[in-house]
PDB file of all heavy atoms in Angstrom:
ATOM      1  N   LEU A   1     -88.364 174.463  50.007  1.00  0.00           N
ATOM      2  CA  LEU A   1     -88.465 175.662  50.965  1.00  0.00           C
ATOM      3  C   LEU A   1     -87.658 175.453  52.209  1.00  0.00           C
ATOM      4  O   LEU A   1     -87.059 176.387  52.766  1.00  0.00           O
ATOM      5  CB  LEU A   1     -89.962 175.903  51.361  1.00  0.00           C
ATOM      6  CG  LEU A   1     -90.877 176.475  50.209  1.00  0.00           C
ATOM      7  CD1 LEU A   1     -92.258 176.289  50.585  1.00  0.00           C
ATOM      8  CD2 LEU A   1     -90.501 177.943  49.991  1.00  0.00           C
ATOM      9  N   LYS A   2     -87.488 174.218  52.673  1.00  0.00           N
ATOM     10  CA  LYS A   2     -86.786 173.934  53.755  1.00  0.00           C
ATOM     11  C   LYS A   2     -85.222 173.696  53.523  1.00  0.00           C
ATOM     12  O   LYS A   2     -84.432 173.579  54.404  1.00  0.00           O
ATOM     13  CB  LYS A   2     -87.258 172.653  54.453  1.00  0.00           C
ATOM     14  CG  LYS A   2     -88.616 172.779  55.115  1.00  0.00           C
ATOM     15  CD  LYS A   2     -88.472 173.333  56.500  1.00  0.00           C
ATOM     16  CE  LYS A   2     -89.786 173.350  57.351  1.00  0.00           C
ATOM     17  NZ  LYS A   2     -89.639 173.934  58.663  1.00  0.00           N
ATOM     18  N   GLY A   3     -84.995 173.671  52.220  1.00  0.00           N
ATOM     19  CA  GLY A   3     -83.520 173.542  51.792  1.00  0.00           C
ATOM     20  C   GLY A   3     -83.073 172.053  52.025  1.00  0.00           C
ATOM     21  O   GLY A   3     -81.893 171.809  52.249  1.00  0.00           O
ATOM     22  N   ILE A   4     -83.930 171.107  51.919  1.00  0.00           N
ATOM     23  CA  ILE A   4     -83.710 169.579  52.084  1.00  0.00           C
ATOM     24  C   ILE A   4     -83.397 168.992  50.685  1.00  0.00           C
ATOM     25  O   ILE A   4     -84.286 168.989  49.874  1.00  0.00           O
ATOM     26  CB  ILE A   4     -84.770 168.878  52.813  1.00  0.00           C
ATOM     27  CG1 ILE A   4     -85.155 169.618  54.047  1.00  0.00           C
ATOM     28  CG2 ILE A   4     -84.401 167.472  53.080  1.00  0.00           C
ATOM     29  CD1 ILE A   4     -84.087 169.884  55.103  1.00  0.00           C
ATOM     30  N   LYS A   5     -82.225 168.343  50.528  1.00  0.00           N
ATOM     31  CA  LYS A   5     -81.933 167.626  49.345  1.00  0.00           C
ATOM     32  C   LYS A   5     -82.711 166.293  49.359  1.00  0.00           C
ATOM     33  O   LYS A   5     -82.744 165.633  50.371  1.00  0.00           O
ATOM     34  CB  LYS A   5     -80.442 167.421  49.231  1.00  0.00           C
ATOM     35  CG  LYS A   5     -79.654 168.736  48.999  1.00  0.00           C
ATOM     36  CD  LYS A   5     -78.115 168.468  48.815  1.00  0.00           C
ATOM     37  CE  LYS A   5     -77.424 169.616  48.682  1.00  0.00           C
ATOM     38  NZ  LYS A   5     -75.931 169.506  48.483  1.00  0.00           N
ATOM     39  N   TYR A   6     -83.148 165.978  48.201  1.00  0.00           N
ATOM     40  CA  TYR A   6     -83.891 164.619  48.085  1.00  0.00           C
ATOM     41  C   TYR A   6     -83.773 164.072  46.695  1.00  0.00           C
ATOM     42  O   TYR A   6     -83.289 164.705  45.716  1.00  0.00           O
ATOM     43  CB  TYR A   6     -85.317 164.886  48.343  1.00  0.00           C
ATOM     44  CG  TYR A   6     -86.035 165.703  47.265  1.00  0.00           C
ATOM     45  CD1 TYR A   6     -86.802 165.161  46.214  1.00  0.00           C
ATOM     46  CD2 TYR A   6     -86.081 167.166  47.407  1.00  0.00           C
ATOM     47  CE1 TYR A   6     -87.334 165.970  45.214  1.00  0.00           C
ATOM     48  CE2 TYR A   6     -86.675 167.904  46.509  1.00  0.00           C
ATOM     49  CZ  TYR A   6     -87.347 167.341  45.389  1.00  0.00           C
ATOM     50  OH  TYR A   6     -87.956 168.103  44.520  1.00  0.00           O
ATOM     51  N   GLU A   7     -83.989 162.701  46.649  1.00  0.00           N
ATOM     52  CA  GLU A   7     -84.011 162.090  45.278  1.00  0.00           C
ATOM     53  C   GLU A   7     -85.464 161.746  44.940  1.00  0.00           C
ATOM     54  O   GLU A   7     -86.286 161.344  45.644  1.00  0.00           O
ATOM     55  CB  GLU A   7     -83.246 160.786  45.499  1.00  0.00           C
ATOM     56  CG  GLU A   7     -83.310 159.827  44.265  1.00  0.00           C
ATOM     57  CD  GLU A   7     -82.796 158.425  44.416  1.00  0.00           C
ATOM     58  OE1 GLU A   7     -82.246 158.147  45.537  1.00  0.00           O
ATOM     59  OE2 GLU A   7     -82.980 157.598  43.510  1.00  0.00           O
ATOM     60  N   TYR A   8     -85.625 162.204  43.611  1.00  0.00           N
ATOM     61  CA  TYR A   8     -87.044 161.978  43.156  1.00  0.00           C
ATOM     62  C   TYR A   8     -87.150 160.799  42.374  1.00  0.00           C
ATOM     63  O   TYR A   8     -86.277 160.493  41.507  1.00  0.00           O
ATOM     64  CB  TYR A   8     -87.483 163.204  42.252  1.00  0.00           C
ATOM     65  CG  TYR A   8     -88.891 163.020  41.567  1.00  0.00           C
ATOM     66  CD1 TYR A   8     -90.049 163.127  42.365  1.00  0.00           C
ATOM     67  CD2 TYR A   8     -88.983 162.712  40.284  1.00  0.00           C
ATOM     68  CE1 TYR A   8     -91.251 162.974  41.727  1.00  0.00           C
ATOM     69  CE2 TYR A   8     -90.119 162.515  39.642  1.00  0.00           C
ATOM     70  CZ  TYR A   8     -91.336 162.650  40.440  1.00  0.00           C
ATOM     71  OH  TYR A   8     -92.566 162.437  39.879  1.00  0.00           O
ATOM     72  N   ILE A   9     -88.214 159.952  42.583  1.00  0.00           N
ATOM     73  CA  ILE A   9     -88.392 158.688  41.902  1.00  0.00           C
ATOM     74  C   ILE A   9     -89.733 158.717  41.143  1.00  0.00           C
ATOM     75  O   ILE A   9     -90.831 158.857  41.779  1.00  0.00           O
ATOM     76  CB  ILE A   9     -88.353 157.538  42.829  1.00  0.00           C
ATOM     77  CG1 ILE A   9     -87.002 157.486  43.596  1.00  0.00           C
ATOM     78  CG2 ILE A   9     -88.628 156.175  42.157  1.00  0.00           C
ATOM     79  CD1 ILE A   9     -86.970 156.507  44.728  1.00  0.00           C
ATOM     80  N   GLU A  10     -89.655 158.798  39.888  1.00  0.00           N
ATOM     81  CA  GLU A  10     -90.935 158.808  38.989  1.00  0.00           C
ATOM     82  C   GLU A  10     -91.582 157.421  39.033  1.00  0.00           C
ATOM     83  O   GLU A  10     -91.007 156.403  38.725  1.00  0.00           O
ATOM     84  CB  GLU A  10     -90.509 159.179  37.635  1.00  0.00           C
ATOM     85  CG  GLU A  10     -91.731 159.301  36.632  1.00  0.00           C
ATOM     86  CD  GLU A  10     -92.637 160.519  36.869  1.00  0.00           C
ATOM     87  OE1 GLU A  10     -92.232 161.485  37.563  1.00  0.00           O
ATOM     88  OE2 GLU A  10     -93.757 160.529  36.464  1.00  0.00           O
ATOM     89  N   GLU A  11     -92.890 157.429  39.294  1.00  0.00           N
ATOM     90  CA  GLU A  11     -93.702 156.234  39.216  1.00  0.00           C
ATOM     91  C   GLU A  11     -94.584 156.266  38.024  1.00  0.00           C
ATOM     92  O   GLU A  11     -94.947 157.243  37.450  1.00  0.00           O
ATOM     93  CB  GLU A  11     -94.606 156.223  40.435  1.00  0.00           C
ATOM     94  CG  GLU A  11     -93.783 155.992  41.805  1.00  0.00           C
ATOM     95  CD  GLU A  11     -93.230 154.541  41.955  1.00  0.00           C
ATOM     96  OE1 GLU A  11     -93.664 153.649  41.135  1.00  0.00           O
ATOM     97  OE2 GLU A  11     -92.486 154.292  42.851  1.00  0.00           O
ATOM     98  N   ASP A  12     -94.964 155.052  37.534  1.00  0.00           N
ATOM     99  CA  ASP A  12     -95.863 154.803  36.379  1.00  0.00           C
ATOM    100  C   ASP A  12     -97.179 154.355  37.025  1.00  0.00           C
ATOM    101  O   ASP A  12     -97.159 153.332  37.670  1.00  0.00           O
ATOM    102  CB  ASP A  12     -95.284 153.813  35.515  1.00  0.00           C
ATOM    103  CG  ASP A  12     -96.179 153.533  34.279  1.00  0.00           C
ATOM    104  OD1 ASP A  12     -97.337 153.993  34.221  1.00  0.00           O
ATOM    105  OD2 ASP A  12     -95.626 152.915  33.319  1.00  0.00           O
ATOM    106  N   ARG A  13     -98.211 155.119  36.759  1.00  0.00           N
ATOM    107  CA  ARG A  13     -99.577 154.788  37.372  1.00  0.00           C
ATOM    108  C   ARG A  13    -100.031 153.342  36.981  1.00  0.00           C
ATOM    109  O   ARG A  13    -100.668 152.629  37.699  1.00  0.00           O
ATOM    110  CB  ARG A  13    -100.625 155.716  36.926  1.00  0.00           C
ATOM    111  CG  ARG A  13    -100.439 157.037  37.695  1.00  0.00           C
ATOM    112  CD  ARG A  13    -101.637 158.021  37.183  1.00  0.00           C
ATOM    113  NE  ARG A  13    -101.699 159.176  37.931  1.00  0.00           N
ATOM    114  CZ  ARG A  13    -102.499 160.178  37.711  1.00  0.00           C
ATOM    115  NH1 ARG A  13    -103.272 160.136  36.582  1.00  0.00           N
ATOM    116  NH2 ARG A  13    -102.484 161.336  38.432  1.00  0.00           N
ATOM    117  N   SER A  14     -99.677 152.947  35.671  1.00  0.00           N
ATOM    118  CA  SER A  14    -100.163 151.572  35.148  1.00  0.00           C
ATOM    119  C   SER A  14     -99.167 150.542  35.586  1.00  0.00           C
ATOM    120  O   SER A  14     -99.459 149.364  35.242  1.00  0.00           O
ATOM    121  CB  SER A  14    -100.350 151.677  33.676  1.00  0.00           C
ATOM    122  OG  SER A  14     -99.121 152.068  33.009  1.00  0.00           O
ATOM    123  N   ASN A  15     -98.039 150.825  36.076  1.00  0.00           N
ATOM    124  CA  ASN A  15     -97.021 149.871  36.354  1.00  0.00           C
ATOM    125  C   ASN A  15     -96.267 150.281  37.608  1.00  0.00           C
ATOM    126  O   ASN A  15     -95.134 150.647  37.437  1.00  0.00           O
ATOM    127  CB  ASN A  15     -96.129 149.689  35.146  1.00  0.00           C
ATOM    128  CG  ASN A  15     -95.096 148.514  35.438  1.00  0.00           C
ATOM    129  OD1 ASN A  15     -95.457 147.570  36.250  1.00  0.00           O
ATOM    130  ND2 ASN A  15     -93.988 148.585  34.765  1.00  0.00           N
ATOM    131  N   LYS A  16     -96.834 150.262  38.729  1.00  0.00           N
ATOM    132  CA  LYS A  16     -96.284 150.792  40.016  1.00  0.00           C
ATOM    133  C   LYS A  16     -95.148 149.899  40.442  1.00  0.00           C
ATOM    134  O   LYS A  16     -95.137 148.718  40.325  1.00  0.00           O
ATOM    135  CB  LYS A  16     -97.355 150.877  41.071  1.00  0.00           C
ATOM    136  CG  LYS A  16     -98.489 151.833  40.697  1.00  0.00           C
ATOM    137  CD  LYS A  16     -99.661 151.760  41.655  1.00  0.00           C
ATOM    138  CE  LYS A  16    -100.837 152.620  41.196  1.00  0.00           C
ATOM    139  NZ  LYS A  16    -102.019 152.517  42.038  1.00  0.00           N
ATOM    140  N   SER A  17     -94.072 150.621  40.876  1.00  0.00           N
ATOM    141  CA  SER A  17     -92.924 149.921  41.402  1.00  0.00           C
ATOM    142  C   SER A  17     -93.186 149.088  42.550  1.00  0.00           C
ATOM    143  O   SER A  17     -94.037 149.343  43.321  1.00  0.00           O
ATOM    144  CB  SER A  17     -91.847 150.939  41.693  1.00  0.00           C
ATOM    145  OG  SER A  17     -92.117 151.666  42.894  1.00  0.00           O
ATOM    146  N   ASP A  18     -92.311 148.141  42.824  1.00  0.00           N
ATOM    147  CA  ASP A  18     -92.442 147.243  43.998  1.00  0.00           C
ATOM    148  C   ASP A  18     -92.111 148.072  45.188  1.00  0.00           C
ATOM    149  O   ASP A  18     -92.828 147.819  46.267  1.00  0.00           O
ATOM    150  CB  ASP A  18     -91.393 146.145  43.856  1.00  0.00           C
ATOM    151  CG  ASP A  18     -91.668 145.100  42.814  1.00  0.00           C
ATOM    152  OD1 ASP A  18     -92.771 145.033  42.358  1.00  0.00           O
ATOM    153  OD2 ASP A  18     -90.739 144.418  42.398  1.00  0.00           O
ATOM    154  N   GLU A  19     -91.283 149.098  45.063  1.00  0.00           N
ATOM    155  CA  GLU A  19     -90.996 149.914  46.285  1.00  0.00           C
ATOM    156  C   GLU A  19     -92.308 150.728  46.752  1.00  0.00           C
ATOM    157  O   GLU A  19     -92.583 150.797  47.918  1.00  0.00           O
ATOM    158  CB  GLU A  19     -89.888 150.938  45.970  1.00  0.00           C
ATOM    159  CG  GLU A  19     -88.601 150.349  45.839  1.00  0.00           C
ATOM    160  CD  GLU A  19     -88.291 149.662  44.454  1.00  0.00           C
ATOM    161  OE1 GLU A  19     -89.204 149.773  43.627  1.00  0.00           O
ATOM    162  OE2 GLU A  19     -87.216 148.949  44.426  1.00  0.00           O
ATOM    163  N   LEU A  20     -93.011 151.239  45.787  1.00  0.00           N
ATOM    164  CA  LEU A  20     -94.207 152.013  46.050  1.00  0.00           C
ATOM    165  C   LEU A  20     -95.348 151.153  46.678  1.00  0.00           C
ATOM    166  O   LEU A  20     -95.875 151.524  47.650  1.00  0.00           O
ATOM    167  CB  LEU A  20     -94.834 152.632  44.799  1.00  0.00           C
ATOM    168  CG  LEU A  20     -96.145 153.420  44.958  1.00  0.00           C
ATOM    169  CD1 LEU A  20     -95.815 154.620  45.969  1.00  0.00           C
ATOM    170  CD2 LEU A  20     -96.778 153.903  43.622  1.00  0.00           C
ATOM    171  N   VAL A  21     -95.429 149.931  46.198  1.00  0.00           N
ATOM    172  CA  VAL A  21     -96.473 148.990  46.725  1.00  0.00           C
ATOM    173  C   VAL A  21     -96.000 148.669  48.207  1.00  0.00           C
ATOM    174  O   VAL A  21     -96.811 148.438  49.060  1.00  0.00           O
ATOM    175  CB  VAL A  21     -96.571 147.798  45.872  1.00  0.00           C
ATOM    176  CG1 VAL A  21     -97.452 146.657  46.539  1.00  0.00           C
ATOM    177  CG2 VAL A  21     -97.136 148.161  44.457  1.00  0.00           C
ATOM    178  N   LYS A  22     -94.667 148.412  48.397  1.00  0.00           N
ATOM    179  CA  LYS A  22     -94.223 148.041  49.709  1.00  0.00           C
ATOM    180  C   LYS A  22     -94.337 149.215  50.664  1.00  0.00           C
ATOM    181  O   LYS A  22     -94.765 149.066  51.808  1.00  0.00           O
ATOM    182  CB  LYS A  22     -92.755 147.699  49.562  1.00  0.00           C
ATOM    183  CG  LYS A  22     -92.096 147.307  50.934  1.00  0.00           C
ATOM    184  CD  LYS A  22     -90.630 147.016  50.786  1.00  0.00           C
ATOM    185  CE  LYS A  22     -89.806 148.233  50.544  1.00  0.00           C
ATOM    186  NZ  LYS A  22     -88.282 147.996  50.632  1.00  0.00           N
ATOM    187  N   TYR A  23     -93.993 150.436  50.322  1.00  0.00           N
ATOM    188  CA  TYR A  23     -94.088 151.545  51.135  1.00  0.00           C
ATOM    189  C   TYR A  23     -95.609 152.045  51.380  1.00  0.00           C
ATOM    190  O   TYR A  23     -95.850 152.586  52.479  1.00  0.00           O
ATOM    191  CB  TYR A  23     -93.375 152.697  50.564  1.00  0.00           C
ATOM    192  CG  TYR A  23     -91.820 152.570  50.476  1.00  0.00           C
ATOM    193  CD1 TYR A  23     -90.989 152.885  49.455  1.00  0.00           C
ATOM    194  CD2 TYR A  23     -91.145 151.892  51.626  1.00  0.00           C
ATOM    195  CE1 TYR A  23     -89.646 152.766  49.523  1.00  0.00           C
ATOM    196  CE2 TYR A  23     -89.696 151.661  51.686  1.00  0.00           C
ATOM    197  CZ  TYR A  23     -89.091 152.237  50.546  1.00  0.00           C
ATOM    198  OH  TYR A  23     -87.743 151.974  50.599  1.00  0.00           O
ATOM    199  N   ASN A  24     -96.434 151.893  50.480  1.00  0.00           N
ATOM    200  CA  ASN A  24     -97.873 152.269  50.624  1.00  0.00           C
ATOM    201  C   ASN A  24     -98.734 151.122  50.203  1.00  0.00           C
ATOM    202  O   ASN A  24     -99.416 151.264  49.223  1.00  0.00           O
ATOM    203  CB  ASN A  24     -98.103 153.547  49.703  1.00  0.00           C
ATOM    204  CG  ASN A  24     -99.387 154.211  50.122  1.00  0.00           C
ATOM    205  OD1 ASN A  24    -100.147 153.718  51.026  1.00  0.00           O
ATOM    206  ND2 ASN A  24     -99.774 155.354  49.511  1.00  0.00           N
ATOM    207  N   PRO A  25     -98.752 150.047  50.938  1.00  0.00           N
ATOM    208  CA  PRO A  25     -99.476 148.870  50.565  1.00  0.00           C
ATOM    209  C   PRO A  25    -101.012 148.970  50.622  1.00  0.00           C
ATOM    210  O   PRO A  25    -101.722 148.241  49.949  1.00  0.00           O
ATOM    211  CB  PRO A  25     -99.042 147.837  51.602  1.00  0.00           C
ATOM    212  CG  PRO A  25     -98.686 148.634  52.835  1.00  0.00           C
ATOM    213  CD  PRO A  25     -98.081 149.820  52.294  1.00  0.00           C
ATOM    214  N   ILE A  26    -101.610 149.932  51.327  1.00  0.00           N
ATOM    215  CA  ILE A  26    -103.036 150.115  51.352  1.00  0.00           C
ATOM    216  C   ILE A  26    -103.495 150.819  50.141  1.00  0.00           C
ATOM    217  O   ILE A  26    -104.416 150.394  49.453  1.00  0.00           O
ATOM    218  CB  ILE A  26    -103.390 150.912  52.722  1.00  0.00           C
ATOM    219  CG1 ILE A  26    -102.946 150.164  53.970  1.00  0.00           C
ATOM    220  CG2 ILE A  26    -104.948 151.057  52.743  1.00  0.00           C
ATOM    221  CD1 ILE A  26    -103.521 148.760  54.060  1.00  0.00           C
ATOM    222  N   TYR A  27    -102.991 152.028  49.900  1.00  0.00           N
ATOM    223  CA  TYR A  27    -103.499 152.815  48.779  1.00  0.00           C
ATOM    224  C   TYR A  27    -102.741 152.613  47.482  1.00  0.00           C
ATOM    225  O   TYR A  27    -103.195 152.858  46.427  1.00  0.00           O
ATOM    226  CB  TYR A  27    -103.474 154.345  49.166  1.00  0.00           C
ATOM    227  CG  TYR A  27    -104.440 154.768  50.309  1.00  0.00           C
ATOM    228  CD1 TYR A  27    -103.882 155.024  51.525  1.00  0.00           C
ATOM    229  CD2 TYR A  27    -105.796 154.680  50.134  1.00  0.00           C
ATOM    230  CE1 TYR A  27    -104.761 155.368  52.613  1.00  0.00           C
ATOM    231  CE2 TYR A  27    -106.647 154.944  51.175  1.00  0.00           C
ATOM    232  CZ  TYR A  27    -106.129 155.246  52.419  1.00  0.00           C
ATOM    233  OH  TYR A  27    -107.013 155.543  53.507  1.00  0.00           O
ATOM    234  N   LYS A  28    -101.402 152.273  47.618  1.00  0.00           N
ATOM    235  CA  LYS A  28    -100.489 152.078  46.480  1.00  0.00           C
ATOM    236  C   LYS A  28    -100.505 153.316  45.687  1.00  0.00           C
ATOM    237  O   LYS A  28    -100.516 153.275  44.439  1.00  0.00           O
ATOM    238  CB  LYS A  28    -101.031 150.875  45.695  1.00  0.00           C
ATOM    239  CG  LYS A  28    -100.969 149.594  46.448  1.00  0.00           C
ATOM    240  CD  LYS A  28    -101.506 148.403  45.618  1.00  0.00           C
ATOM    241  CE  LYS A  28    -101.489 147.069  46.368  1.00  0.00           C
ATOM    242  NZ  LYS A  28    -102.399 147.138  47.548  1.00  0.00           N
ATOM    243  N   GLN A  29    -100.490 154.485  46.290  1.00  0.00           N
ATOM    244  CA  GLN A  29    -100.483 155.727  45.562  1.00  0.00           C
ATOM    245  C   GLN A  29     -99.338 156.668  45.980  1.00  0.00           C
ATOM    246  O   GLN A  29     -98.736 156.455  47.110  1.00  0.00           O
ATOM    247  CB  GLN A  29    -101.744 156.565  45.753  1.00  0.00           C
ATOM    248  CG  GLN A  29    -103.060 155.837  45.257  1.00  0.00           C
ATOM    249  CD  GLN A  29    -104.238 156.574  45.615  1.00  0.00           C
ATOM    250  OE1 GLN A  29    -104.245 157.442  46.449  1.00  0.00           O
ATOM    251  NE2 GLN A  29    -105.448 156.178  44.881  1.00  0.00           N
ATOM    252  N   VAL A  30     -99.038 157.612  45.127  1.00  0.00           N
ATOM    253  CA  VAL A  30     -98.081 158.695  45.478  1.00  0.00           C
ATOM    254  C   VAL A  30     -98.810 159.819  46.133  1.00  0.00           C
ATOM    255  O   VAL A  30    -100.014 159.970  45.860  1.00  0.00           O
ATOM    256  CB  VAL A  30     -97.206 159.180  44.244  1.00  0.00           C
ATOM    257  CG1 VAL A  30     -96.441 157.977  43.696  1.00  0.00           C
ATOM    258  CG2 VAL A  30     -98.132 159.700  43.204  1.00  0.00           C
ATOM    259  N   PRO A  31     -98.135 160.679  46.864  1.00  0.00           N
ATOM    260  CA  PRO A  31     -96.710 160.657  47.119  1.00  0.00           C
ATOM    261  C   PRO A  31     -96.353 159.762  48.394  1.00  0.00           C
ATOM    262  O   PRO A  31     -97.195 159.551  49.227  1.00  0.00           O
ATOM    263  CB  PRO A  31     -96.408 162.205  47.463  1.00  0.00           C
ATOM    264  CG  PRO A  31     -97.679 162.622  48.114  1.00  0.00           C
ATOM    265  CD  PRO A  31     -98.723 161.948  47.378  1.00  0.00           C
ATOM    266  N   VAL A  32     -95.090 159.344  48.300  1.00  0.00           N
ATOM    267  CA  VAL A  32     -94.580 158.735  49.426  1.00  0.00           C
ATOM    268  C   VAL A  32     -93.279 159.321  49.744  1.00  0.00           C
ATOM    269  O   VAL A  32     -92.321 159.468  48.757  1.00  0.00           O
ATOM    270  CB  VAL A  32     -94.432 157.194  49.213  1.00  0.00           C
ATOM    271  CG1 VAL A  32     -93.583 156.547  50.445  1.00  0.00           C
ATOM    272  CG2 VAL A  32     -95.681 156.478  49.123  1.00  0.00           C
ATOM    273  N   LEU A  33     -92.904 159.742  50.925  1.00  0.00           N
ATOM    274  CA  LEU A  33     -91.683 160.240  51.381  1.00  0.00           C
ATOM    275  C   LEU A  33     -91.031 159.188  52.080  1.00  0.00           C
ATOM    276  O   LEU A  33     -91.562 158.507  52.948  1.00  0.00           O
ATOM    277  CB  LEU A  33     -91.842 161.497  52.332  1.00  0.00           C
ATOM    278  CG  LEU A  33     -90.545 161.988  52.916  1.00  0.00           C
ATOM    279  CD1 LEU A  33     -89.885 162.879  51.889  1.00  0.00           C
ATOM    280  CD2 LEU A  33     -90.850 162.968  54.169  1.00  0.00           C
ATOM    281  N   VAL A  34     -89.773 158.927  51.709  1.00  0.00           N
ATOM    282  CA  VAL A  34     -88.991 157.903  52.393  1.00  0.00           C
ATOM    283  C   VAL A  34     -87.747 158.590  53.126  1.00  0.00           C
ATOM    284  O   VAL A  34     -86.903 159.151  52.354  1.00  0.00           O
ATOM    285  CB  VAL A  34     -88.452 156.791  51.415  1.00  0.00           C
ATOM    286  CG1 VAL A  34     -87.732 155.719  52.237  1.00  0.00           C
ATOM    287  CG2 VAL A  34     -89.652 156.147  50.656  1.00  0.00           C
ATOM    288  N   HIS A  35     -87.793 158.581  54.409  1.00  0.00           N
ATOM    289  CA  HIS A  35     -86.742 159.260  55.199  1.00  0.00           C
ATOM    290  C   HIS A  35     -86.008 158.115  56.025  1.00  0.00           C
ATOM    291  O   HIS A  35     -86.580 157.529  56.845  1.00  0.00           O
ATOM    292  CB  HIS A  35     -87.236 160.297  56.091  1.00  0.00           C
ATOM    293  CG  HIS A  35     -86.232 161.025  56.876  1.00  0.00           C
ATOM    294  ND1 HIS A  35     -86.499 161.587  58.022  1.00  0.00           N
ATOM    295  CD2 HIS A  35     -84.972 161.367  56.574  1.00  0.00           C
ATOM    296  CE1 HIS A  35     -85.348 162.240  58.545  1.00  0.00           C
ATOM    297  NE2 HIS A  35     -84.447 162.087  57.621  1.00  0.00           N
ATOM    298  N   ASN A  36     -84.723 158.012  55.673  1.00  0.00           N
ATOM    299  CA  ASN A  36     -83.928 156.904  56.342  1.00  0.00           C
ATOM    300  C   ASN A  36     -84.510 155.584  56.307  1.00  0.00           C
ATOM    301  O   ASN A  36     -84.529 154.747  57.312  1.00  0.00           O
ATOM    302  CB  ASN A  36     -83.618 157.319  57.837  1.00  0.00           C
ATOM    303  CG  ASN A  36     -82.717 158.558  57.953  1.00  0.00           C
ATOM    304  OD1 ASN A  36     -81.854 158.691  56.991  1.00  0.00           O
ATOM    305  ND2 ASN A  36     -82.793 159.257  59.008  1.00  0.00           N
ATOM    306  N   GLY A  37     -85.166 155.255  55.114  1.00  0.00           N
ATOM    307  CA  GLY A  37     -85.751 153.922  54.946  1.00  0.00           C
ATOM    308  C   GLY A  37     -87.177 153.819  55.464  1.00  0.00           C
ATOM    309  O   GLY A  37     -87.820 152.795  55.174  1.00  0.00           O
ATOM    310  N   LYS A  38     -87.668 154.889  56.103  1.00  0.00           N
ATOM    311  CA  LYS A  38     -89.017 154.825  56.681  1.00  0.00           C
ATOM    312  C   LYS A  38     -89.947 155.562  55.798  1.00  0.00           C
ATOM    313  O   LYS A  38     -89.790 156.801  55.515  1.00  0.00           O
ATOM    314  CB  LYS A  38     -89.008 155.322  58.140  1.00  0.00           C
ATOM    315  CG  LYS A  38     -88.255 154.445  59.096  1.00  0.00           C
ATOM    316  CD  LYS A  38     -88.227 155.071  60.438  1.00  0.00           C
ATOM    317  CE  LYS A  38     -87.339 154.165  61.437  1.00  0.00           C
ATOM    318  NZ  LYS A  38     -87.306 154.689  62.837  1.00  0.00           N
ATOM    319  N   PRO A  39     -91.148 154.959  55.349  1.00  0.00           N
ATOM    320  CA  PRO A  39     -92.052 155.678  54.419  1.00  0.00           C
ATOM    321  C   PRO A  39     -93.134 156.488  55.244  1.00  0.00           C
ATOM    322  O   PRO A  39     -93.559 156.015  56.342  1.00  0.00           O
ATOM    323  CB  PRO A  39     -92.701 154.481  53.698  1.00  0.00           C
ATOM    324  CG  PRO A  39     -92.713 153.412  54.711  1.00  0.00           C
ATOM    325  CD  PRO A  39     -91.458 153.484  55.481  1.00  0.00           C
ATOM    326  N   ILE A  40     -93.419 157.572  54.700  1.00  0.00           N
ATOM    327  CA  ILE A  40     -94.654 158.431  55.166  1.00  0.00           C
ATOM    328  C   ILE A  40     -95.447 158.683  54.007  1.00  0.00           C
ATOM    329  O   ILE A  40     -94.981 159.114  52.954  1.00  0.00           O
ATOM    330  CB  ILE A  40     -94.115 159.734  55.792  1.00  0.00           C
ATOM    331  CG1 ILE A  40     -93.225 159.454  56.955  1.00  0.00           C
ATOM    332  CG2 ILE A  40     -95.396 160.507  56.372  1.00  0.00           C
ATOM    333  CD1 ILE A  40     -91.683 159.547  56.515  1.00  0.00           C
TER     334      ILE A  40
END
C-alpha cells in the first residue's frame, strides 16, 4: 500500500533460519521486518 519494494524470505516453522533466530531471539517467530539491517 505504501509502494515500498521488499525482499520476502520464507521461513520453515520446523527449521527456523539462523537469521530469524538472530533477529527475533525471544520469540523466534515471524514476521520480522529488517530495514537497513535493523530488525523490527
